[in-house]
Protein backbone atom coordinates (compact mmCIF):
# COMPACT_ATOMS: atom_id res chain seq x y z
CA MET A 1 -13.57 13.51 28.11
CA LYS A 2 -10.58 15.20 26.82
CA GLY A 3 -8.52 12.58 28.56
CA ILE A 4 -10.90 10.02 27.19
CA ALA A 5 -10.59 11.14 23.47
CA THR A 6 -6.70 11.52 24.15
CA ARG A 7 -6.50 8.10 24.94
CA PHE A 8 -8.00 6.59 22.78
CA THR A 9 -6.66 9.01 19.71
CA ASP A 10 -3.06 7.98 21.01
CA LEU A 11 -4.31 4.37 20.62
CA LEU A 12 -5.39 4.29 17.07
CA ALA A 13 -2.04 6.47 16.17
CA ARG A 14 -0.20 3.33 17.83
CA LEU A 15 -2.50 1.07 15.48
CA ARG A 16 -1.54 3.07 12.60
CA GLN A 17 2.47 3.16 13.25
CA ALA A 18 1.96 -0.98 13.63
CA VAL A 19 -0.10 -1.37 10.42
CA ALA A 20 2.47 0.87 8.39
CA VAL A 21 5.38 -0.84 9.90
CA PHE A 22 3.94 -4.11 8.86
CA ALA A 23 2.62 -3.07 5.51
CA ASN A 24 6.22 -1.93 4.58
CA ARG A 25 7.76 -5.20 5.83
CA GLN A 26 5.58 -7.19 3.87
CA GLN A 27 6.58 -5.20 0.96
CA GLN A 28 10.50 -5.37 1.30
CA GLY A 29 10.45 -9.17 1.45
CA PRO A 30 12.58 -10.91 3.78
CA ARG A 31 15.66 -9.87 4.82
CA VAL A 32 18.91 -11.11 4.15
CA VAL A 33 21.91 -10.72 6.84
CA THR A 34 25.79 -11.35 6.25
CA ILE A 35 27.86 -12.61 9.08
CA GLY A 36 31.48 -12.80 7.66
CA SER A 37 30.99 -15.03 4.57
CA GLN A 38 27.93 -16.33 5.39
CA THR A 39 24.89 -15.09 4.06
CA TYR A 40 21.97 -15.42 5.81
CA VAL A 41 17.83 -15.20 4.68
CA GLU A 42 15.35 -14.58 6.55
CA LEU A 43 12.97 -17.21 6.41
CA THR A 44 9.00 -16.81 7.04
CA PRO A 45 6.46 -19.69 7.66
CA PRO A 46 3.44 -19.27 5.27
CA SER A 47 0.56 -17.77 6.71
CA ARG A 48 -1.92 -15.55 5.87
CA HIS A 49 -0.55 -12.32 5.62
CA SER A 50 -0.02 -13.12 1.42
CA THR A 51 -3.78 -13.01 1.36
CA ILE A 52 -4.19 -9.48 2.24
CA PRO A 53 -3.06 -7.05 -0.45
CA GLY A 54 -1.42 -3.91 0.22
CA PRO A 55 -3.84 -1.93 -0.63
CA THR A 56 -6.56 -3.24 2.54
CA TRP A 57 -3.62 -2.11 5.05
CA LEU A 58 -3.75 1.25 3.05
CA LEU A 59 -7.63 0.84 3.95
CA LEU A 60 -6.65 0.35 7.19
CA THR A 61 -4.46 3.10 7.97
CA GLU A 62 -7.09 5.27 6.54
CA ARG A 63 -10.13 4.07 8.68
CA LEU A 64 -8.21 4.64 11.76
CA GLY A 65 -7.84 8.26 11.11
CA ARG A 66 -10.98 8.96 10.40
CA LEU A 67 -12.14 7.13 13.17
CA ALA A 68 -10.10 9.23 15.67
CA GLN A 69 -11.29 12.26 13.69
CA ARG A 70 -14.76 11.18 14.69
CA PHE A 71 -14.62 10.27 18.00
CA ARG A 72 -12.53 14.05 18.87
CA ALA A 73 -15.50 15.54 17.40
CA LEU A 74 -17.87 13.13 18.99
CA ILE A 75 -16.45 14.76 22.35
CA ALA A 76 -16.62 18.32 21.50
CA ARG A 77 -19.89 18.04 20.85
CA VAL A 78 -20.82 16.35 23.63
CA GLU A 79 -18.71 18.88 25.84
CA ALA A 80 -20.14 21.87 23.90
CA GLY A 81 -23.72 20.02 24.11
CA LYS A 82 -24.72 20.05 20.58
CA LEU A 83 -25.15 16.63 20.43
CA PRO A 84 -28.65 16.09 18.18
CA LYS A 85 -31.40 14.29 20.02
CA PRO A 86 -32.13 11.01 18.55
CA ARG A 87 -34.80 11.03 16.15
CA PRO A 88 -37.37 7.71 16.49
CA PRO A 89 -36.82 5.21 14.11
CA GLN A 90 -38.56 5.67 10.97
CA ILE A 91 -39.94 2.71 8.51
CA ARG A 92 -39.15 3.75 5.31
CA PRO A 93 -41.16 2.17 1.95
CA PRO A 94 -38.70 -0.03 -0.03
CA GLN A 95 -37.07 1.52 -2.73
CA ILE A 96 -36.76 -0.57 -6.44
CA ARG A 97 -34.12 0.92 -8.23
CA PRO A 98 -32.69 -0.27 -11.51
CA ALA A 99 -29.53 -2.50 -11.52
CA THR A 100 -26.50 -1.21 -12.68
CA ALA A 101 -23.12 -2.42 -13.02
CA ARG A 102 -21.13 -1.02 -9.76
CA ALA A 103 -17.03 -1.08 -9.18
CA PRO A 104 -16.37 -3.00 -6.67
CA VAL A 105 -15.94 -1.40 -3.33
CA PRO A 106 -12.81 -2.49 -1.38
CA ARG A 107 -13.77 -3.80 2.57
CA LEU A 108 -11.85 -4.66 4.87
CA PRO A 109 -12.24 -8.30 6.58
CA ALA A 110 -15.21 -8.52 9.32
CA ALA A 111 -13.43 -11.68 11.11
CA ARG A 112 -13.21 -11.06 14.92
CA GLY A 113 -9.66 -9.87 15.48
CA TRP A 114 -8.52 -10.25 12.02
CA ILE A 115 -5.57 -7.21 12.82
CA ASN A 116 -4.58 -9.42 16.17
CA ALA A 117 -3.93 -12.55 13.65
CA ARG A 118 -1.88 -10.90 11.33
CA ILE A 119 0.13 -7.86 12.97
CA PRO A 120 1.72 -9.30 16.35
CA ASP A 121 2.60 -5.62 17.66
CA ALA A 122 -1.34 -5.38 17.43
CA ALA A 123 -1.66 -7.42 20.87
CA SER A 124 -0.72 -4.26 22.89
CA CYS A 125 -2.84 -1.90 21.33
CA ALA A 126 -5.69 -4.66 22.41
CA GLY A 127 -4.67 -4.77 25.94
CA THR A 128 -4.80 -0.71 25.97
CA LEU A 129 -8.25 -0.89 24.47
CA ILE A 130 -9.30 -3.20 27.48
CA VAL A 131 -8.04 -1.15 29.82
CA LEU A 132 -9.66 2.03 28.22
CA LEU A 133 -13.29 0.24 28.70
CA GLN A 134 -12.85 -0.17 32.14
CA ASP A 135 -12.78 3.38 32.94
CA PRO A 136 -15.90 4.37 34.24
CA ALA A 137 -16.49 7.56 32.45
CA MET A 138 -16.35 5.37 29.09
CA PRO A 139 -20.14 4.19 30.23
CA GLU A 140 -21.16 7.64 30.67
CA LEU A 141 -19.79 8.56 27.36
CA VAL A 142 -22.03 5.71 25.24
CA ARG A 143 -24.96 6.20 27.57
CA ALA A 144 -24.91 10.24 26.49
CA ALA A 145 -23.79 9.79 22.81
CA PRO A 146 -24.64 6.00 21.75
CA GLN A 147 -22.83 7.43 18.47
CA ALA A 148 -19.47 6.32 20.18
CA GLY A 149 -20.86 2.76 20.55
CA ARG A 150 -20.71 2.94 16.57
CA LEU A 151 -16.96 3.75 16.61
CA LEU A 152 -15.48 1.69 19.38
CA ARG A 153 -17.52 -1.78 18.54
CA PRO A 154 -15.70 -2.06 15.14
CA ILE A 155 -12.12 -1.71 16.71
CA CYS A 156 -13.23 -4.14 19.36
CA ARG A 157 -14.25 -6.47 16.77
CA ALA A 158 -11.11 -6.09 14.22
CA LEU A 159 -8.81 -6.92 17.85
CA ALA A 160 -10.68 -9.28 19.30
CA VAL A 161 -11.73 -7.82 22.50
CA ASP A 162 -14.72 -8.67 24.16
CA LEU A 163 -17.48 -6.34 24.77
CA PRO A 164 -19.02 -5.00 27.73
CA ASP A 165 -22.56 -5.34 28.81
CA TRP A 166 -22.85 -1.25 28.34
CA LEU A 167 -21.40 -1.67 25.19
CA ARG A 168 -23.40 -4.20 23.85
CA LEU A 169 -26.74 -4.22 21.11
CA PRO A 170 -29.50 -4.51 22.50
CA ARG A 171 -31.14 -8.47 20.96
CA HIS A 172 -33.28 -8.73 18.49
CA PRO A 173 -37.09 -9.44 19.99
CA GLU A 174 -37.60 -12.53 18.24
CA ARG A 175 -34.09 -13.57 19.19
CA SER A 176 -34.34 -12.65 22.86
CA GLU A 177 -35.19 -14.90 26.05
CA GLY A 178 -38.60 -14.97 27.46
CA SER A 179 -40.10 -13.54 24.12
CA THR A 180 -43.62 -14.07 23.90
CA LEU A 181 -43.90 -14.24 19.98
CA PRO A 182 -45.48 -17.57 18.44
CA PRO A 183 -42.23 -19.94 17.00
CA PRO A 184 -41.82 -20.53 13.50
CA ARG A 185 -44.31 -22.77 11.47
CA ARG A 186 -42.49 -25.83 10.31
CA ARG A 187 -43.57 -28.06 7.64
CA PRO A 188 -44.43 -31.52 9.46
CA LEU A 189 -42.55 -34.47 8.46
CA PRO A 190 -43.93 -36.85 6.06
CA ILE A 191 -45.05 -39.74 7.84
CA TRP A 192 -44.14 -42.93 6.23
CA TYR A 193 -46.45 -46.12 6.69
CA PRO A 194 -45.38 -50.01 6.03
CA SER A 195 -47.04 -51.32 2.61
CA PRO A 196 -49.15 -54.27 2.82
CA PRO A 197 -46.92 -57.46 1.77
CA ARG A 198 -47.70 -58.40 -1.55
CA THR A 199 -49.88 -61.80 -2.39
CA ARG A 200 -48.78 -63.71 -5.60
CA LYS A 201 -51.78 -64.67 -7.75
CA THR A 202 -52.64 -68.20 -8.01
CA ALA A 203 -53.69 -69.87 -11.74
CA PRO A 204 -57.35 -71.07 -11.40
C-alpha cells in the first residue's frame, strides 16, 4: 500500500509542477529572443488558455495538494485497520432554507480531459496514471476502501483516462439494461383527421 501511495503522490507532485510552470509561462506573456541585431517574438496561436483565469490554476494546485494528503491518510488508515465501516444510506427529508445571496464559489472545469487540453506536459502524467491503475493492488485498495474511488475518479476525468471496470460507479437502476421498471409514460400524440370537403350552398 505504501508503494501505491508514493507513486500516486509523486504523480500529483509532477502534475502540480506542470501546472505551476504553465501558469507562470502564461503570466509572462510571449517570449522575446534577440539573435544578433534581430529581435524575434514568439507568437502562440489563439487557444482556450486565455479563458482560464489565473486563480483557477491556483485552485487546481491547492486541490492536487489536498488530494495527495487525503490519499496518504487513507492508506495509513487502511494499513492501521482504522477504516470506519460503511454506513447504510439514509433518506433525509428535504429541508427548506431561506434564499440568501451567496458569494460565487470558485469551481474547476468539469469537462473530460480539460487539463490535457491546456497543459501539454500533463500527457506524461496521464500515462503514469494509466500504468498505476493497471497495478493489481489498486482494485484491492478500492474494494477495501471505496473512499479511494472518490479520490481517483476526478483526476482520471481531468486527465482523460478511461476508468477500469472496478473503478466505475454502479449504474442507476432506472438506466441499467434489463430493468424491470415500467417505461416512462408519454403523452399520446394528437391524431389529425382529414376534414370533410366543404360544399357550396346554392341559392334556391
